[in-house]
């Protein structure tokens, strides 16, 4: 949430709502309050993706966004990216 808070385009409650929404999409809502050091590499990667989506970016630059994910979660992340592309043009 820190990048979104620094931009100051949305209020803290709006940012938190979006963060939890994106964590839920990525199957990470139950890990929301854990410190990064307690998450696996794949979980950290999914949190990074959720964080990147909070500010509704026009473009998402991906550099191996699923490199540490298993095939199930890789498919889920790519499905989310496809749906975002459809929803946002």
C-alpha atoms as a PDB file:
ATOM      1  CA  UNK A   1       0.000   0.000   0.000  1.00  0.00           C
ATOM      2  CA  UNK A   2       2.915   2.349   0.504  1.00  0.00           C
ATOM      3  CA  UNK A   3       3.296   3.361  -3.168  1.00  0.00           C
ATOM      4  CA  UNK A   4      -0.418   4.216  -3.319  1.00  0.00           C
ATOM      5  CA  UNK A   5      -0.232   6.176  -0.074  1.00  0.00           C
ATOM      6  CA  UNK A   6       2.756   8.187  -1.337  1.00  0.00           C
ATOM      7  CA  UNK A   7       0.899   9.159  -4.528  1.00  0.00           C
ATOM      8  CA  UNK A   8      -1.917  10.628  -2.387  1.00  0.00           C
ATOM      9  CA  UNK A   9      -4.481  10.143  -5.185  1.00  0.00           C
ATOM     10  CA  UNK A  10      -6.829   8.155  -2.949  1.00  0.00           C
ATOM     11  CA  UNK A  11      -7.694   8.131   0.722  1.00  0.00           C
ATOM     12  CA  UNK A  12      -6.240   5.469   3.013  1.00  0.00           C
ATOM     13  CA  UNK A  13      -9.627   3.659   3.328  1.00  0.00           C
ATOM     14  CA  UNK A  14      -9.969   3.571  -0.492  1.00  0.00           C
ATOM     15  CA  UNK A  15      -6.454   2.200  -0.829  1.00  0.00           C
ATOM     16  CA  UNK A  16      -7.061  -0.447   1.834  1.00  0.00           C
ATOM     17  CA  UNK A  17     -10.300  -1.498   0.147  1.00  0.00           C
ATOM     18  CA  UNK A  18      -8.546  -1.863  -3.213  1.00  0.00           C
ATOM     19  CA  UNK A  19      -5.637  -3.718  -1.606  1.00  0.00           C
ATOM     20  CA  UNK A  20      -7.942  -6.274   0.021  1.00  0.00           C
ATOM     21  CA  UNK A  21      -9.928  -6.622  -3.214  1.00  0.00           C
ATOM     22  CA  UNK A  22      -6.807  -7.396  -5.254  1.00  0.00           C
ATOM     23  CA  UNK A  23      -5.441  -9.725  -2.580  1.00  0.00           C
ATOM     24  CA  UNK A  24      -8.752 -11.585  -2.708  1.00  0.00           C
ATOM     25  CA  UNK A  25      -8.520 -11.896  -6.511  1.00  0.00           C
ATOM     26  CA  UNK A  26      -5.089 -13.440  -6.081  1.00  0.00           C
ATOM     27  CA  UNK A  27      -6.163 -15.782  -3.278  1.00  0.00           C
ATOM     28  CA  UNK A  28      -4.102 -13.938  -0.681  1.00  0.00           C
ATOM     29  CA  UNK A  29      -6.751 -12.281   1.521  1.00  0.00           C
ATOM     30  CA  UNK A  30      -5.954 -14.569   4.459  1.00  0.00           C
ATOM     31  CA  UNK A  31      -2.303 -13.473   4.336  1.00  0.00           C
ATOM     32  CA  UNK A  32      -3.017  -9.722   4.244  1.00  0.00           C
ATOM     33  CA  UNK A  33      -1.605  -8.837   7.643  1.00  0.00           C
ATOM     34  CA  UNK A  34       1.452 -11.115   7.599  1.00  0.00           C
ATOM     35  CA  UNK A  35       4.892  -9.532   7.308  1.00  0.00           C
ATOM     36  CA  UNK A  36       6.645 -10.226   3.994  1.00  0.00           C
ATOM     37  CA  UNK A  37       9.289 -12.286   5.776  1.00  0.00           C
ATOM     38  CA  UNK A  38       6.581 -14.817   6.701  1.00  0.00           C
ATOM     39  CA  UNK A  39       5.392 -15.301   3.098  1.00  0.00           C
ATOM     40  CA  UNK A  40       6.773 -17.726   0.533  1.00  0.00           C
ATOM     41  CA  UNK A  41       8.410 -16.399  -2.633  1.00  0.00           C
ATOM     42  CA  UNK A  42       5.266 -17.086  -4.649  1.00  0.00           C
ATOM     43  CA  UNK A  43       3.079 -15.365  -2.073  1.00  0.00           C
ATOM     44  CA  UNK A  44       5.388 -12.344  -2.091  1.00  0.00           C
ATOM     45  CA  UNK A  45       5.114 -12.230  -5.870  1.00  0.00           C
ATOM     46  CA  UNK A  46       1.308 -12.265  -5.760  1.00  0.00           C
ATOM     47  CA  UNK A  47       1.331  -9.485  -3.131  1.00  0.00           C
ATOM     48  CA  UNK A  48       3.591  -7.437  -5.422  1.00  0.00           C
ATOM     49  CA  UNK A  49       1.098  -7.913  -8.263  1.00  0.00           C
ATOM     50  CA  UNK A  50      -1.788  -6.801  -6.019  1.00  0.00           C
ATOM     51  CA  UNK A  51       0.224  -3.765  -4.926  1.00  0.00           C
ATOM     52  CA  UNK A  52       0.912  -2.868  -8.563  1.00  0.00           C
ATOM     53  CA  UNK A  53      -2.816  -2.974  -9.345  1.00  0.00           C
ATOM     54  CA  UNK A  54      -3.957  -0.653  -6.518  1.00  0.00           C
ATOM     55  CA  UNK A  55      -3.385   2.530  -8.549  1.00  0.00           C
ATOM     56  CA  UNK A  56      -5.253   1.280 -11.649  1.00  0.00           C
ATOM     57  CA  UNK A  57      -2.208   1.579 -13.925  1.00  0.00           C
ATOM     58  CA  UNK A  58      -2.726   2.126 -17.649  1.00  0.00           C
ATOM     59  CA  UNK A  59       0.179  -0.181 -18.414  1.00  0.00           C
ATOM     60  CA  UNK A  60       1.642  -3.042 -16.434  1.00  0.00           C
ATOM     61  CA  UNK A  61       5.239  -3.895 -17.272  1.00  0.00           C
ATOM     62  CA  UNK A  62       5.801  -7.552 -16.509  1.00  0.00           C
ATOM     63  CA  UNK A  63       9.194  -9.109 -15.963  1.00  0.00           C
ATOM     64  CA  UNK A  64       8.537 -12.742 -15.101  1.00  0.00           C
ATOM     65  CA  UNK A  65       5.514 -11.936 -12.922  1.00  0.00           C
ATOM     66  CA  UNK A  66       4.853 -15.624 -12.362  1.00  0.00           C
ATOM     67  CA  UNK A  67       8.416 -16.935 -12.097  1.00  0.00           C
ATOM     68  CA  UNK A  68       7.945 -18.183  -8.520  1.00  0.00           C
ATOM     69  CA  UNK A  69       4.367 -19.406  -8.899  1.00  0.00           C
ATOM     70  CA  UNK A  70       3.047 -22.909  -9.467  1.00  0.00           C
ATOM     71  CA  UNK A  71       1.038 -23.641 -12.614  1.00  0.00           C
ATOM     72  CA  UNK A  72      -2.347 -23.116 -10.897  1.00  0.00           C
ATOM     73  CA  UNK A  73      -1.420 -19.661  -9.590  1.00  0.00           C
ATOM     74  CA  UNK A  74       0.339 -18.770 -12.859  1.00  0.00           C
ATOM     75  CA  UNK A  75      -2.905 -19.444 -14.718  1.00  0.00           C
ATOM     76  CA  UNK A  76      -4.868 -17.400 -12.192  1.00  0.00           C
ATOM     77  CA  UNK A  77      -2.519 -14.401 -12.530  1.00  0.00           C
ATOM     78  CA  UNK A  78      -2.637 -14.496 -16.332  1.00  0.00           C
ATOM     79  CA  UNK A  79      -6.443 -14.779 -16.236  1.00  0.00           C
ATOM     80  CA  UNK A  80      -6.560 -11.690 -14.000  1.00  0.00           C
ATOM     81  CA  UNK A  81      -4.263  -9.790 -16.387  1.00  0.00           C
ATOM     82  CA  UNK A  82      -6.456 -10.786 -19.349  1.00  0.00           C
ATOM     83  CA  UNK A  83      -9.621  -9.711 -17.531  1.00  0.00           C
ATOM     84  CA  UNK A  84      -8.055  -6.378 -16.551  1.00  0.00           C
ATOM     85  CA  UNK A  85      -7.129  -5.830 -20.166  1.00  0.00           C
ATOM     86  CA  UNK A  86     -10.696  -6.536 -21.290  1.00  0.00           C
ATOM     87  CA  UNK A  87     -12.245  -4.419 -18.528  1.00  0.00           C
ATOM     88  CA  UNK A  88      -9.931  -1.460 -18.991  1.00  0.00           C
ATOM     89  CA  UNK A  89      -9.147  -1.616 -22.691  1.00  0.00           C
END
